[in-house]
Structure formats: C-alpha cells, structure tokens
C-alpha cells in the first residue's frame, strides 16, 4: 500500500510506501468496508421487507434474509476484530 505525498508549494505528486501493511489494512477497513456495511443496512431491510410483502419466491427472500444476517454479523464482529481507533 502506498501513500500520496505532495511537497509544499509543488504540484508534483510523490508516492511513499506505508510503514505498516497491517495499519493500512485497518485504515482501509475503517474507511471503506465499515461505512459500506453501515449504509447497506437500511437498504437491505427495505428490500427484504418489500420482497416479503410482494410474495417473492421463497428462494429470493431466503437469500435476502441470509445477506441481511451476514451484514449484521459483520457489523457485530468489526469492533472485536479491529483495534480501537487512535485516540479512543
């Protein structure tokens, strides 16, 4: 993983390797994956509820229920798997 580094007063962009792959991975999970899971929660619930109300095929609702459970479990596990954020 690399970081974009700009020198003051320069338009040139330099690249620098990150000091720790683990820290970069944790930052990526916090900045990309966790927000995506949180944003998906209401949409998943809404789609599942609409599928159940509209009498969708049982296999469709089963898959939506499974996806909703996976999303919920991932959100439950994130605090256990990731170290606390800096300053917390």
Protein backbone atom coordinates (compact mmCIF):
# COMPACT_ATOMS: atom_id res chain seq x y z
CA UNK A 1 0.00 0.00 0.00
CA UNK A 2 1.26 3.42 -0.83
CA UNK A 3 0.55 6.99 0.21
CA UNK A 4 0.36 10.05 -1.98
CA UNK A 5 2.76 12.72 -0.70
CA UNK A 6 2.85 16.28 -2.00
CA UNK A 7 5.67 18.67 -1.22
CA UNK A 8 4.54 22.11 -0.05
CA UNK A 9 4.40 24.54 -2.97
CA UNK A 10 4.74 21.78 -5.57
CA UNK A 11 2.15 20.28 -7.87
CA UNK A 12 4.18 17.15 -8.21
CA UNK A 13 2.85 14.06 -6.51
CA UNK A 14 5.24 11.57 -4.98
CA UNK A 15 4.48 8.11 -3.70
CA UNK A 16 5.73 6.62 -0.47
CA UNK A 17 5.19 3.11 0.91
CA UNK A 18 3.18 2.91 4.10
CA UNK A 19 5.13 1.94 7.18
CA UNK A 20 2.81 -0.89 8.13
CA UNK A 21 0.67 -3.11 5.96
CA UNK A 22 -1.47 -4.01 8.97
CA UNK A 23 -2.15 -0.35 9.78
CA UNK A 24 -3.01 0.31 6.15
CA UNK A 25 -5.40 -2.63 6.06
CA UNK A 26 -7.14 -1.50 9.26
CA UNK A 27 -7.46 2.03 7.84
CA UNK A 28 -8.91 0.65 4.62
CA UNK A 29 -11.45 -1.46 6.51
CA UNK A 30 -12.47 1.52 8.65
CA UNK A 31 -12.72 3.98 5.77
CA UNK A 32 -14.27 1.77 3.07
CA UNK A 33 -15.75 -1.51 4.28
CA UNK A 34 -17.35 -0.46 7.56
CA UNK A 35 -19.17 2.56 6.08
CA UNK A 36 -20.42 0.41 3.18
CA UNK A 37 -21.83 -2.16 5.61
CA UNK A 38 -23.48 0.55 7.69
CA UNK A 39 -25.02 2.21 4.64
CA UNK A 40 -26.31 -1.11 3.30
CA UNK A 41 -28.25 -1.99 6.46
CA UNK A 42 -31.40 0.11 5.84
CA UNK A 43 -31.48 -0.74 2.13
CA UNK A 44 -31.20 -4.47 2.83
CA UNK A 45 -34.00 -4.33 5.37
CA UNK A 46 -36.21 -2.34 2.99
CA UNK A 47 -35.63 -4.73 0.07
CA UNK A 48 -36.25 -7.76 2.29
CA UNK A 49 -39.46 -6.27 3.65
CA UNK A 50 -40.70 -5.42 0.15
CA UNK A 51 -39.85 -8.91 -1.09
CA UNK A 52 -41.82 -10.48 1.76
CA UNK A 53 -44.80 -8.16 1.26
CA UNK A 54 -44.91 -8.73 -2.50
CA UNK A 55 -44.78 -12.51 -2.19
CA UNK A 56 -41.44 -13.02 -3.94
CA UNK A 57 -40.22 -16.56 -4.47
CA UNK A 58 -39.08 -18.24 -1.26
CA UNK A 59 -35.53 -18.69 -2.51
CA UNK A 60 -35.26 -14.93 -3.18
CA UNK A 61 -36.43 -13.99 0.30
CA UNK A 62 -34.19 -16.66 1.81
CA UNK A 63 -31.14 -15.19 0.06
CA UNK A 64 -32.08 -11.68 1.11
CA UNK A 65 -32.51 -12.84 4.71
CA UNK A 66 -29.10 -14.52 4.57
CA UNK A 67 -27.49 -11.39 3.15
CA UNK A 68 -29.09 -9.30 5.87
CA UNK A 69 -27.78 -11.69 8.56
CA UNK A 70 -24.25 -11.62 7.09
CA UNK A 71 -24.31 -7.84 7.05
CA UNK A 72 -25.50 -7.70 10.67
CA UNK A 73 -22.89 -10.21 11.82
CA UNK A 74 -20.10 -8.36 10.03
CA UNK A 75 -21.12 -5.16 11.82
CA UNK A 76 -21.13 -7.02 15.14
CA UNK A 77 -17.69 -8.52 14.54
CA UNK A 78 -15.91 -5.39 13.33
CA UNK A 79 -15.36 -3.91 16.80
CA UNK A 80 -13.99 -7.24 18.01
CA UNK A 81 -11.61 -7.76 15.09
CA UNK A 82 -10.19 -4.28 14.67
CA UNK A 83 -8.05 -2.48 17.23
CA UNK A 84 -9.62 0.64 18.76
CA UNK A 85 -9.27 3.76 16.66
CA UNK A 86 -6.43 6.12 17.59
CA UNK A 87 -7.42 8.48 20.37
CA UNK A 88 -10.29 6.31 21.58
